[in-house]
ModelCIF file with pLDDT and N, C-alpha, C, O atoms, coordinates in Angstrom:
data_MODEL
#
_entry.id   MODEL 
#
_entity.id                         1 
_entity.type                       polymer 
_entity.pdbx_number_of_molecules   1 
#
_entity_poly.entity_id                      1 
_entity_poly.type                           'polypeptide(L)' 
_entity_poly.nstd_linkage                   no 
_entity_poly.nstd_monomer                   no 
_entity_poly.pdbx_seq_one_letter_code       AFGTLGIVAIMIIASGDITSFNYTPFYIGLGAFCYGTSAIALLIRAI 
_entity_poly.pdbx_seq_one_letter_code_can   AFGTLGIVAIMIIASGDITSFNYTPFYIGLGAFCYGTSAIALLIRAI 
_entity_poly.pdbx_strand_id                 A 
#
loop_
_entity_poly_seq.entity_id 
_entity_poly_seq.num 
_entity_poly_seq.mon_id 
_entity_poly_seq.hetero 
1 1  ALA n 
1 2  PHE n 
1 3  GLY n 
1 4  THR n 
1 5  LEU n 
1 6  GLY n 
1 7  ILE n 
1 8  VAL n 
1 9  ALA n 
1 10 ILE n 
1 11 MET n 
1 12 ILE n 
1 13 ILE n 
1 14 ALA n 
1 15 SER n 
1 16 GLY n 
1 17 ASP n 
1 18 ILE n 
1 19 THR n 
1 20 SER n 
1 21 PHE n 
1 22 ASN n 
1 23 TYR n 
1 24 THR n 
1 25 PRO n 
1 26 PHE n 
1 27 TYR n 
1 28 ILE n 
1 29 GLY n 
1 30 LEU n 
1 31 GLY n 
1 32 ALA n 
1 33 PHE n 
1 34 CYS n 
1 35 TYR n 
1 36 GLY n 
1 37 THR n 
1 38 SER n 
1 39 ALA n 
1 40 ILE n 
1 41 ALA n 
1 42 LEU n 
1 43 LEU n 
1 44 ILE n 
1 45 ARG n 
1 46 ALA n 
1 47 ILE n 
#
_struct_asym.id          A 
_struct_asym.entity_id   1 
#
loop_
_ma_qa_metric.id 
_ma_qa_metric.mode 
_ma_qa_metric.name 
_ma_qa_metric.software_group_id 
_ma_qa_metric.type 
1 global pLDDT . pLDDT 
2 local  pLDDT . pLDDT 
#
_ma_qa_metric_global.metric_id      1 
_ma_qa_metric_global.metric_value   87.40 
_ma_qa_metric_global.model_id       1 
_ma_qa_metric_global.ordinal_id     1 
#
loop_
_ma_qa_metric_local.label_asym_id 
_ma_qa_metric_local.label_comp_id 
_ma_qa_metric_local.label_seq_id 
_ma_qa_metric_local.metric_id 
_ma_qa_metric_local.metric_value 
_ma_qa_metric_local.model_id 
_ma_qa_metric_local.ordinal_id 
A ALA 1  2 96.00 1 1  
A PHE 2  2 95.00 1 2  
A GLY 3  2 93.00 1 3  
A THR 4  2 94.00 1 4  
A LEU 5  2 94.00 1 5  
A GLY 6  2 91.00 1 6  
A ILE 7  2 90.00 1 7  
A VAL 8  2 91.00 1 8  
A ALA 9  2 89.00 1 9  
A ILE 10 2 85.00 1 10 
A MET 11 2 85.00 1 11 
A ILE 12 2 86.00 1 12 
A ILE 13 2 82.00 1 13 
A ALA 14 2 80.00 1 14 
A SER 15 2 78.00 1 15 
A GLY 16 2 76.00 1 16 
A ASP 17 2 67.00 1 17 
A ILE 18 2 65.00 1 18 
A THR 19 2 67.00 1 19 
A SER 20 2 65.00 1 20 
A PHE 21 2 73.00 1 21 
A ASN 22 2 80.00 1 22 
A TYR 23 2 79.00 1 23 
A THR 24 2 82.00 1 24 
A PRO 25 2 86.00 1 25 
A PHE 26 2 84.00 1 26 
A TYR 27 2 87.00 1 27 
A ILE 28 2 90.00 1 28 
A GLY 29 2 92.00 1 29 
A LEU 30 2 91.00 1 30 
A GLY 31 2 91.00 1 31 
A ALA 32 2 94.00 1 32 
A PHE 33 2 95.00 1 33 
A CYS 34 2 94.00 1 34 
A TYR 35 2 95.00 1 35 
A GLY 36 2 96.00 1 36 
A THR 37 2 96.00 1 37 
A SER 38 2 96.00 1 38 
A ALA 39 2 95.00 1 39 
A ILE 40 2 95.00 1 40 
A ALA 41 2 94.00 1 41 
A LEU 42 2 94.00 1 42 
A LEU 43 2 94.00 1 43 
A ILE 44 2 92.00 1 44 
A ARG 45 2 91.00 1 45 
A ALA 46 2 92.00 1 46 
A ILE 47 2 91.00 1 47 
#
loop_
_atom_site.group_PDB 
_atom_site.id 
_atom_site.type_symbol 
_atom_site.label_atom_id 
_atom_site.label_alt_id 
_atom_site.label_comp_id 
_atom_site.label_asym_id 
_atom_site.label_entity_id 
_atom_site.label_seq_id 
_atom_site.pdbx_PDB_ins_code 
_atom_site.Cartn_x 
_atom_site.Cartn_y 
_atom_site.Cartn_z 
_atom_site.occupancy 
_atom_site.B_iso_or_equiv 
_atom_site.pdbx_formal_charge 
_atom_site.auth_seq_id 
_atom_site.auth_comp_id 
_atom_site.auth_asym_id 
_atom_site.auth_atom_id 
_atom_site.pdbx_PDB_model_num 
ATOM 1   N N  . ALA A 1 1  ? -0.577  -7.315 -7.543  1.00 96.00 ? 1  ALA A N  1 
ATOM 2   C CA . ALA A 1 1  ? 0.883   -8.049 -6.200  1.00 96.00 ? 1  ALA A CA 1 
ATOM 3   C C  . ALA A 1 1  ? 0.698   -6.433 -6.124  1.00 96.00 ? 1  ALA A C  1 
ATOM 4   O O  . ALA A 1 1  ? -0.421  -6.092 -6.507  1.00 96.00 ? 1  ALA A O  1 
ATOM 5   N N  . PHE A 1 2  ? 1.524   -5.382 -5.726  1.00 95.00 ? 2  PHE A N  1 
ATOM 6   C CA . PHE A 1 2  ? 1.564   -4.524 -4.804  1.00 95.00 ? 2  PHE A CA 1 
ATOM 7   C C  . PHE A 1 2  ? -0.143  -3.963 -4.204  1.00 95.00 ? 2  PHE A C  1 
ATOM 8   O O  . PHE A 1 2  ? -0.673  -3.738 -3.116  1.00 95.00 ? 2  PHE A O  1 
ATOM 9   N N  . GLY A 1 3  ? -0.438  -3.933 -5.311  1.00 93.00 ? 3  GLY A N  1 
ATOM 10  C CA . GLY A 1 3  ? -2.477  -3.437 -5.609  1.00 93.00 ? 3  GLY A CA 1 
ATOM 11  C C  . GLY A 1 3  ? -3.432  -4.628 -4.122  1.00 93.00 ? 3  GLY A C  1 
ATOM 12  O O  . GLY A 1 3  ? -4.052  -4.349 -3.096  1.00 93.00 ? 3  GLY A O  1 
ATOM 13  N N  . THR A 1 4  ? -2.993  -6.122 -4.919  1.00 94.00 ? 4  THR A N  1 
ATOM 14  C CA . THR A 1 4  ? -3.608  -6.512 -2.812  1.00 94.00 ? 4  THR A CA 1 
ATOM 15  C C  . THR A 1 4  ? -2.827  -6.515 -1.911  1.00 94.00 ? 4  THR A C  1 
ATOM 16  O O  . THR A 1 4  ? -3.400  -6.683 -0.835  1.00 94.00 ? 4  THR A O  1 
ATOM 17  N N  . LEU A 1 5  ? -1.351  -6.364 -1.804  1.00 94.00 ? 5  LEU A N  1 
ATOM 18  C CA . LEU A 1 5  ? -0.724  -6.726 -0.219  1.00 94.00 ? 5  LEU A CA 1 
ATOM 19  C C  . LEU A 1 5  ? -1.274  -4.668 0.445   1.00 94.00 ? 5  LEU A C  1 
ATOM 20  O O  . LEU A 1 5  ? -1.553  -4.334 1.596   1.00 94.00 ? 5  LEU A O  1 
ATOM 21  N N  . GLY A 1 6  ? -1.225  -3.646 -0.993  1.00 91.00 ? 6  GLY A N  1 
ATOM 22  C CA . GLY A 1 6  ? -1.346  -2.262 0.078   1.00 91.00 ? 6  GLY A CA 1 
ATOM 23  C C  . GLY A 1 6  ? -2.895  -1.825 0.756   1.00 91.00 ? 6  GLY A C  1 
ATOM 24  O O  . GLY A 1 6  ? -3.128  -0.984 1.624   1.00 91.00 ? 6  GLY A O  1 
ATOM 25  N N  . ILE A 1 7  ? -4.174  -3.038 -0.242  1.00 90.00 ? 7  ILE A N  1 
ATOM 26  C CA . ILE A 1 7  ? -5.454  -3.301 0.456   1.00 90.00 ? 7  ILE A CA 1 
ATOM 27  C C  . ILE A 1 7  ? -5.659  -3.830 2.079   1.00 90.00 ? 7  ILE A C  1 
ATOM 28  O O  . ILE A 1 7  ? -6.315  -3.425 3.038   1.00 90.00 ? 7  ILE A O  1 
ATOM 29  N N  . VAL A 1 8  ? -4.628  -5.076 1.805   1.00 91.00 ? 8  VAL A N  1 
ATOM 30  C CA . VAL A 1 8  ? -4.125  -5.733 2.751   1.00 91.00 ? 8  VAL A CA 1 
ATOM 31  C C  . VAL A 1 8  ? -4.185  -4.796 3.884   1.00 91.00 ? 8  VAL A C  1 
ATOM 32  O O  . VAL A 1 8  ? -4.924  -4.266 4.713   1.00 91.00 ? 8  VAL A O  1 
ATOM 33  N N  . ALA A 1 9  ? -2.792  -4.913 3.372   1.00 89.00 ? 9  ALA A N  1 
ATOM 34  C CA . ALA A 1 9  ? -2.285  -3.798 4.362   1.00 89.00 ? 9  ALA A CA 1 
ATOM 35  C C  . ALA A 1 9  ? -3.382  -2.287 4.800   1.00 89.00 ? 9  ALA A C  1 
ATOM 36  O O  . ALA A 1 9  ? -3.372  -2.155 6.023   1.00 89.00 ? 9  ALA A O  1 
ATOM 37  N N  . ILE A 1 10 ? -3.921  -1.619 4.374   1.00 85.00 ? 10 ILE A N  1 
ATOM 38  C CA . ILE A 1 10 ? -4.548  0.113  5.495   1.00 85.00 ? 10 ILE A CA 1 
ATOM 39  C C  . ILE A 1 10 ? -5.728  -1.493 6.285   1.00 85.00 ? 10 ILE A C  1 
ATOM 40  O O  . ILE A 1 10 ? -6.398  -1.331 7.305   1.00 85.00 ? 10 ILE A O  1 
ATOM 41  N N  . MET A 1 11 ? -5.689  -2.744 5.566   1.00 85.00 ? 11 MET A N  1 
ATOM 42  C CA . MET A 1 11 ? -7.384  -2.864 6.311   1.00 85.00 ? 11 MET A CA 1 
ATOM 43  C C  . MET A 1 11 ? -6.261  -3.862 8.240   1.00 85.00 ? 11 MET A C  1 
ATOM 44  O O  . MET A 1 11 ? -6.710  -4.050 9.371   1.00 85.00 ? 11 MET A O  1 
ATOM 45  N N  . ILE A 1 12 ? -5.569  -4.021 7.953   1.00 86.00 ? 12 ILE A N  1 
ATOM 46  C CA . ILE A 1 12 ? -4.832  -4.415 9.081   1.00 86.00 ? 12 ILE A CA 1 
ATOM 47  C C  . ILE A 1 12 ? -4.999  -3.471 10.091  1.00 86.00 ? 12 ILE A C  1 
ATOM 48  O O  . ILE A 1 12 ? -5.557  -3.399 11.186  1.00 86.00 ? 12 ILE A O  1 
ATOM 49  N N  . ILE A 1 13 ? -4.137  -2.569 9.141   1.00 82.00 ? 13 ILE A N  1 
ATOM 50  C CA . ILE A 1 13 ? -4.667  -1.203 9.771   1.00 82.00 ? 13 ILE A CA 1 
ATOM 51  C C  . ILE A 1 13 ? -6.001  -0.870 10.411  1.00 82.00 ? 13 ILE A C  1 
ATOM 52  O O  . ILE A 1 13 ? -6.097  -0.954 11.636  1.00 82.00 ? 13 ILE A O  1 
ATOM 53  N N  . ALA A 1 14 ? -6.525  -0.683 10.038  1.00 80.00 ? 14 ALA A N  1 
ATOM 54  C CA . ALA A 1 14 ? -8.234  -1.003 10.314  1.00 80.00 ? 14 ALA A CA 1 
ATOM 55  C C  . ALA A 1 14 ? -8.247  -1.154 11.171  1.00 80.00 ? 14 ALA A C  1 
ATOM 56  O O  . ALA A 1 14 ? -8.425  -0.283 12.022  1.00 80.00 ? 14 ALA A O  1 
ATOM 57  N N  . SER A 1 15 ? -8.056  -2.389 11.392  1.00 78.00 ? 15 SER A N  1 
ATOM 58  C CA . SER A 1 15 ? -9.204  -3.672 12.221  1.00 78.00 ? 15 SER A CA 1 
ATOM 59  C C  . SER A 1 15 ? -8.122  -3.238 12.829  1.00 78.00 ? 15 SER A C  1 
ATOM 60  O O  . SER A 1 15 ? -7.397  -4.230 12.767  1.00 78.00 ? 15 SER A O  1 
ATOM 61  N N  . GLY A 1 16 ? -7.570  -2.479 13.335  1.00 76.00 ? 16 GLY A N  1 
ATOM 62  C CA . GLY A 1 16 ? -6.541  -1.766 15.037  1.00 76.00 ? 16 GLY A CA 1 
ATOM 63  C C  . GLY A 1 16 ? -7.177  -0.778 15.414  1.00 76.00 ? 16 GLY A C  1 
ATOM 64  O O  . GLY A 1 16 ? -7.171  -0.573 16.628  1.00 76.00 ? 16 GLY A O  1 
ATOM 65  N N  . ASP A 1 17 ? -7.873  0.088  14.608  1.00 67.00 ? 17 ASP A N  1 
ATOM 66  C CA . ASP A 1 17 ? -8.679  1.607  15.050  1.00 67.00 ? 17 ASP A CA 1 
ATOM 67  C C  . ASP A 1 17 ? -9.206  1.535  15.000  1.00 67.00 ? 17 ASP A C  1 
ATOM 68  O O  . ASP A 1 17 ? -10.007 1.228  14.117  1.00 67.00 ? 17 ASP A O  1 
ATOM 69  N N  . ILE A 1 18 ? -9.203  1.945  16.660  1.00 65.00 ? 18 ILE A N  1 
ATOM 70  C CA . ILE A 1 18 ? -10.497 2.552  17.638  1.00 65.00 ? 18 ILE A CA 1 
ATOM 71  C C  . ILE A 1 18 ? -11.119 3.687  17.137  1.00 65.00 ? 18 ILE A C  1 
ATOM 72  O O  . ILE A 1 18 ? -12.324 3.814  17.355  1.00 65.00 ? 18 ILE A O  1 
ATOM 73  N N  . THR A 1 19 ? -10.380 4.741  16.357  1.00 67.00 ? 19 THR A N  1 
ATOM 74  C CA . THR A 1 19 ? -11.676 5.339  15.911  1.00 67.00 ? 19 THR A CA 1 
ATOM 75  C C  . THR A 1 19 ? -12.726 4.827  14.988  1.00 67.00 ? 19 THR A C  1 
ATOM 76  O O  . THR A 1 19 ? -12.622 3.637  14.690  1.00 67.00 ? 19 THR A O  1 
ATOM 77  N N  . SER A 1 20 ? -13.431 5.304  14.626  1.00 65.00 ? 20 SER A N  1 
ATOM 78  C CA . SER A 1 20 ? -14.561 5.474  13.085  1.00 65.00 ? 20 SER A CA 1 
ATOM 79  C C  . SER A 1 20 ? -14.106 5.720  11.781  1.00 65.00 ? 20 SER A C  1 
ATOM 80  O O  . SER A 1 20 ? -14.776 5.477  10.777  1.00 65.00 ? 20 SER A O  1 
ATOM 81  N N  . PHE A 1 21 ? -12.712 6.309  11.779  1.00 73.00 ? 21 PHE A N  1 
ATOM 82  C CA . PHE A 1 21 ? -12.168 7.134  10.308  1.00 73.00 ? 21 PHE A CA 1 
ATOM 83  C C  . PHE A 1 21 ? -12.757 5.489  9.664   1.00 73.00 ? 21 PHE A C  1 
ATOM 84  O O  . PHE A 1 21 ? -12.885 4.295  9.932   1.00 73.00 ? 21 PHE A O  1 
ATOM 85  N N  . ASN A 1 22 ? -13.034 6.878  8.312   1.00 80.00 ? 22 ASN A N  1 
ATOM 86  C CA . ASN A 1 22 ? -13.414 5.813  7.158   1.00 80.00 ? 22 ASN A CA 1 
ATOM 87  C C  . ASN A 1 22 ? -12.129 6.080  6.472   1.00 80.00 ? 22 ASN A C  1 
ATOM 88  O O  . ASN A 1 22 ? -11.396 7.068  6.509   1.00 80.00 ? 22 ASN A O  1 
ATOM 89  N N  . TYR A 1 23 ? -12.017 4.753  5.720   1.00 79.00 ? 23 TYR A N  1 
ATOM 90  C CA . TYR A 1 23 ? -10.195 4.178  4.661   1.00 79.00 ? 23 TYR A CA 1 
ATOM 91  C C  . TYR A 1 23 ? -11.105 3.490  3.653   1.00 79.00 ? 23 TYR A C  1 
ATOM 92  O O  . TYR A 1 23 ? -10.625 2.428  3.256   1.00 79.00 ? 23 TYR A O  1 
ATOM 93  N N  . THR A 1 24 ? -12.204 3.782  3.168   1.00 82.00 ? 24 THR A N  1 
ATOM 94  C CA . THR A 1 24 ? -13.091 3.083  2.545   1.00 82.00 ? 24 THR A CA 1 
ATOM 95  C C  . THR A 1 24 ? -12.108 3.965  0.395   1.00 82.00 ? 24 THR A C  1 
ATOM 96  O O  . THR A 1 24 ? -11.678 3.492  -0.657  1.00 82.00 ? 24 THR A O  1 
ATOM 97  N N  . PRO A 1 25 ? -12.369 5.781  1.230   1.00 86.00 ? 25 PRO A N  1 
ATOM 98  C CA . PRO A 1 25 ? -11.474 6.446  0.448   1.00 86.00 ? 25 PRO A CA 1 
ATOM 99  C C  . PRO A 1 25 ? -10.559 5.271  0.209   1.00 86.00 ? 25 PRO A C  1 
ATOM 100 O O  . PRO A 1 25 ? -10.696 4.283  -0.512  1.00 86.00 ? 25 PRO A O  1 
ATOM 101 N N  . PHE A 1 26 ? -9.879  5.536  0.772   1.00 84.00 ? 26 PHE A N  1 
ATOM 102 C CA . PHE A 1 26 ? -7.951  4.546  -0.033  1.00 84.00 ? 26 PHE A CA 1 
ATOM 103 C C  . PHE A 1 26 ? -8.411  3.024  -0.337  1.00 84.00 ? 26 PHE A C  1 
ATOM 104 O O  . PHE A 1 26 ? -7.864  2.546  -1.331  1.00 84.00 ? 26 PHE A O  1 
ATOM 105 N N  . TYR A 1 27 ? -9.269  2.226  0.306   1.00 87.00 ? 27 TYR A N  1 
ATOM 106 C CA . TYR A 1 27 ? -8.981  1.231  -0.398  1.00 87.00 ? 27 TYR A CA 1 
ATOM 107 C C  . TYR A 1 27 ? -9.986  1.705  -2.238  1.00 87.00 ? 27 TYR A C  1 
ATOM 108 O O  . TYR A 1 27 ? -10.055 0.932  -3.194  1.00 87.00 ? 27 TYR A O  1 
ATOM 109 N N  . ILE A 1 28 ? -10.378 2.621  -2.202  1.00 90.00 ? 28 ILE A N  1 
ATOM 110 C CA . ILE A 1 28 ? -11.281 2.642  -3.158  1.00 90.00 ? 28 ILE A CA 1 
ATOM 111 C C  . ILE A 1 28 ? -10.379 3.466  -4.382  1.00 90.00 ? 28 ILE A C  1 
ATOM 112 O O  . ILE A 1 28 ? -10.604 3.191  -5.561  1.00 90.00 ? 28 ILE A O  1 
ATOM 113 N N  . GLY A 1 29 ? -9.422  4.419  -4.038  1.00 92.00 ? 29 GLY A N  1 
ATOM 114 C CA . GLY A 1 29 ? -7.930  5.493  -4.227  1.00 92.00 ? 29 GLY A CA 1 
ATOM 115 C C  . GLY A 1 29 ? -6.925  4.246  -4.646  1.00 92.00 ? 29 GLY A C  1 
ATOM 116 O O  . GLY A 1 29 ? -6.391  4.330  -5.752  1.00 92.00 ? 29 GLY A O  1 
ATOM 117 N N  . LEU A 1 30 ? -6.714  3.389  -4.033  1.00 91.00 ? 30 LEU A N  1 
ATOM 118 C CA . LEU A 1 30 ? -5.507  2.207  -3.767  1.00 91.00 ? 30 LEU A CA 1 
ATOM 119 C C  . LEU A 1 30 ? -5.562  0.947  -5.514  1.00 91.00 ? 30 LEU A C  1 
ATOM 120 O O  . LEU A 1 30 ? -4.734  0.560  -6.339  1.00 91.00 ? 30 LEU A O  1 
ATOM 121 N N  . GLY A 1 31 ? -7.143  0.745  -5.253  1.00 91.00 ? 31 GLY A N  1 
ATOM 122 C CA . GLY A 1 31 ? -7.464  -0.566 -6.327  1.00 91.00 ? 31 GLY A CA 1 
ATOM 123 C C  . GLY A 1 31 ? -7.758  -0.265 -7.344  1.00 91.00 ? 31 GLY A C  1 
ATOM 124 O O  . GLY A 1 31 ? -7.781  -0.921 -8.386  1.00 91.00 ? 31 GLY A O  1 
ATOM 125 N N  . ALA A 1 32 ? -8.159  1.359  -7.019  1.00 94.00 ? 32 ALA A N  1 
ATOM 126 C CA . ALA A 1 32 ? -8.690  2.030  -8.749  1.00 94.00 ? 32 ALA A CA 1 
ATOM 127 C C  . ALA A 1 32 ? -7.089  2.681  -9.929  1.00 94.00 ? 32 ALA A C  1 
ATOM 128 O O  . ALA A 1 32 ? -7.107  2.679  -11.160 1.00 94.00 ? 32 ALA A O  1 
ATOM 129 N N  . PHE A 1 33 ? -6.052  3.095  -9.153  1.00 95.00 ? 33 PHE A N  1 
ATOM 130 C CA . PHE A 1 33 ? -5.307  3.302  -8.962  1.00 95.00 ? 33 PHE A CA 1 
ATOM 131 C C  . PHE A 1 33 ? -4.644  2.290  -9.384  1.00 95.00 ? 33 PHE A C  1 
ATOM 132 O O  . PHE A 1 33 ? -4.542  2.279  -10.611 1.00 95.00 ? 33 PHE A O  1 
ATOM 133 N N  . CYS A 1 34 ? -3.578  0.436  -8.227  1.00 94.00 ? 34 CYS A N  1 
ATOM 134 C CA . CYS A 1 34 ? -3.101  -0.009 -8.707  1.00 94.00 ? 34 CYS A CA 1 
ATOM 135 C C  . CYS A 1 34 ? -3.794  -0.465 -10.164 1.00 94.00 ? 34 CYS A C  1 
ATOM 136 O O  . CYS A 1 34 ? -3.511  0.269  -11.112 1.00 94.00 ? 34 CYS A O  1 
ATOM 137 N N  . TYR A 1 35 ? -4.771  -1.731 -10.466 1.00 95.00 ? 35 TYR A N  1 
ATOM 138 C CA . TYR A 1 35 ? -5.598  -2.623 -10.985 1.00 95.00 ? 35 TYR A CA 1 
ATOM 139 C C  . TYR A 1 35 ? -6.057  -1.932 -11.570 1.00 95.00 ? 35 TYR A C  1 
ATOM 140 O O  . TYR A 1 35 ? -7.228  -2.306 -11.620 1.00 95.00 ? 35 TYR A O  1 
ATOM 141 N N  . GLY A 1 36 ? -5.902  -0.651 -12.397 1.00 96.00 ? 36 GLY A N  1 
ATOM 142 C CA . GLY A 1 36 ? -6.410  0.520  -13.516 1.00 96.00 ? 36 GLY A CA 1 
ATOM 143 C C  . GLY A 1 36 ? -5.330  0.184  -13.593 1.00 96.00 ? 36 GLY A C  1 
ATOM 144 O O  . GLY A 1 36 ? -5.171  -0.924 -14.104 1.00 96.00 ? 36 GLY A O  1 
ATOM 145 N N  . THR A 1 37 ? -4.771  0.524  -13.390 1.00 96.00 ? 37 THR A N  1 
ATOM 146 C CA . THR A 1 37 ? -2.869  1.274  -14.225 1.00 96.00 ? 37 THR A CA 1 
ATOM 147 C C  . THR A 1 37 ? -2.686  -0.086 -15.630 1.00 96.00 ? 37 THR A C  1 
ATOM 148 O O  . THR A 1 37 ? -2.587  -0.031 -16.856 1.00 96.00 ? 37 THR A O  1 
ATOM 149 N N  . SER A 1 38 ? -2.733  -1.756 -14.100 1.00 96.00 ? 38 SER A N  1 
ATOM 150 C CA . SER A 1 38 ? -2.816  -3.040 -14.700 1.00 96.00 ? 38 SER A CA 1 
ATOM 151 C C  . SER A 1 38 ? -2.993  -2.976 -16.006 1.00 96.00 ? 38 SER A C  1 
ATOM 152 O O  . SER A 1 38 ? -2.213  -3.112 -16.948 1.00 96.00 ? 38 SER A O  1 
ATOM 153 N N  . ALA A 1 39 ? -4.620  -2.652 -15.908 1.00 95.00 ? 39 ALA A N  1 
ATOM 154 C CA . ALA A 1 39 ? -5.819  -2.967 -17.004 1.00 95.00 ? 39 ALA A CA 1 
ATOM 155 C C  . ALA A 1 39 ? -4.769  -2.707 -17.861 1.00 95.00 ? 39 ALA A C  1 
ATOM 156 O O  . ALA A 1 39 ? -4.047  -3.565 -18.370 1.00 95.00 ? 39 ALA A O  1 
ATOM 157 N N  . ILE A 1 40 ? -4.664  -1.088 -18.069 1.00 95.00 ? 40 ILE A N  1 
ATOM 158 C CA . ILE A 1 40 ? -4.154  0.207  -18.767 1.00 95.00 ? 40 ILE A CA 1 
ATOM 159 C C  . ILE A 1 40 ? -3.437  -1.088 -19.202 1.00 95.00 ? 40 ILE A C  1 
ATOM 160 O O  . ILE A 1 40 ? -3.844  -1.788 -20.130 1.00 95.00 ? 40 ILE A O  1 
ATOM 161 N N  . ALA A 1 41 ? -2.145  -1.402 -18.332 1.00 94.00 ? 41 ALA A N  1 
ATOM 162 C CA . ALA A 1 41 ? -0.642  -1.754 -19.058 1.00 94.00 ? 41 ALA A CA 1 
ATOM 163 C C  . ALA A 1 41 ? -1.203  -3.356 -20.779 1.00 94.00 ? 41 ALA A C  1 
ATOM 164 O O  . ALA A 1 41 ? -0.992  -3.562 -21.975 1.00 94.00 ? 41 ALA A O  1 
ATOM 165 N N  . LEU A 1 42 ? -2.157  -4.127 -19.250 1.00 94.00 ? 42 LEU A N  1 
ATOM 166 C CA . LEU A 1 42 ? -2.665  -5.242 -20.418 1.00 94.00 ? 42 LEU A CA 1 
ATOM 167 C C  . LEU A 1 42 ? -3.113  -5.032 -21.928 1.00 94.00 ? 42 LEU A C  1 
ATOM 168 O O  . LEU A 1 42 ? -2.825  -5.850 -22.801 1.00 94.00 ? 42 LEU A O  1 
ATOM 169 N N  . LEU A 1 43 ? -4.012  -3.601 -22.224 1.00 94.00 ? 43 LEU A N  1 
ATOM 170 C CA . LEU A 1 43 ? -4.254  -3.611 -22.716 1.00 94.00 ? 43 LEU A CA 1 
ATOM 171 C C  . LEU A 1 43 ? -3.454  -3.300 -23.816 1.00 94.00 ? 43 LEU A C  1 
ATOM 172 O O  . LEU A 1 43 ? -3.538  -3.921 -24.876 1.00 94.00 ? 43 LEU A O  1 
ATOM 173 N N  . ILE A 1 44 ? -2.446  -2.088 -23.566 1.00 92.00 ? 44 ILE A N  1 
ATOM 174 C CA . ILE A 1 44 ? -1.261  -1.537 -24.612 1.00 92.00 ? 44 ILE A CA 1 
ATOM 175 C C  . ILE A 1 44 ? -1.048  -3.481 -25.269 1.00 92.00 ? 44 ILE A C  1 
ATOM 176 O O  . ILE A 1 44 ? -1.228  -4.054 -26.344 1.00 92.00 ? 44 ILE A O  1 
ATOM 177 N N  . ARG A 1 45 ? -0.588  -3.880 -23.897 1.00 91.00 ? 45 ARG A N  1 
ATOM 178 C CA . ARG A 1 45 ? 0.699   -5.309 -24.703 1.00 91.00 ? 45 ARG A CA 1 
ATOM 179 C C  . ARG A 1 45 ? -0.636  -6.029 -25.288 1.00 91.00 ? 45 ARG A C  1 
ATOM 180 O O  . ARG A 1 45 ? -0.386  -6.759 -26.247 1.00 91.00 ? 45 ARG A O  1 
ATOM 181 N N  . ALA A 1 46 ? -1.246  -6.004 -25.118 1.00 92.00 ? 46 ALA A N  1 
ATOM 182 C CA . ALA A 1 46 ? -3.072  -6.880 -26.531 1.00 92.00 ? 46 ALA A CA 1 
ATOM 183 C C  . ALA A 1 46 ? -2.429  -5.596 -27.783 1.00 92.00 ? 46 ALA A C  1 
ATOM 184 O O  . ALA A 1 46 ? -1.919  -5.908 -28.860 1.00 92.00 ? 46 ALA A O  1 
ATOM 185 N N  . ILE A 1 47 ? -2.627  -4.141 -27.278 1.00 91.00 ? 47 ILE A N  1 
ATOM 186 C CA . ILE A 1 47 ? -3.002  -3.553 -29.058 1.00 91.00 ? 47 ILE A CA 1 
ATOM 187 C C  . ILE A 1 47 ? -1.864  -3.673 -29.202 1.00 91.00 ? 47 ILE A C  1 
ATOM 188 O O  . ILE A 1 47 ? -1.349  -3.421 -30.292 1.00 91.00 ? 47 ILE A O  1 
#
């Protein structure tokens, strides 16, 4: 949930940004961390 909210917040910030700053690494980093650790927690739980 926090990963999704964080990505949405970055999208809102990026939409108002006039400069051509690339936010893609932030999307990938936040998504990989949040969703990756979620998957690891579920894997640990299943094992």
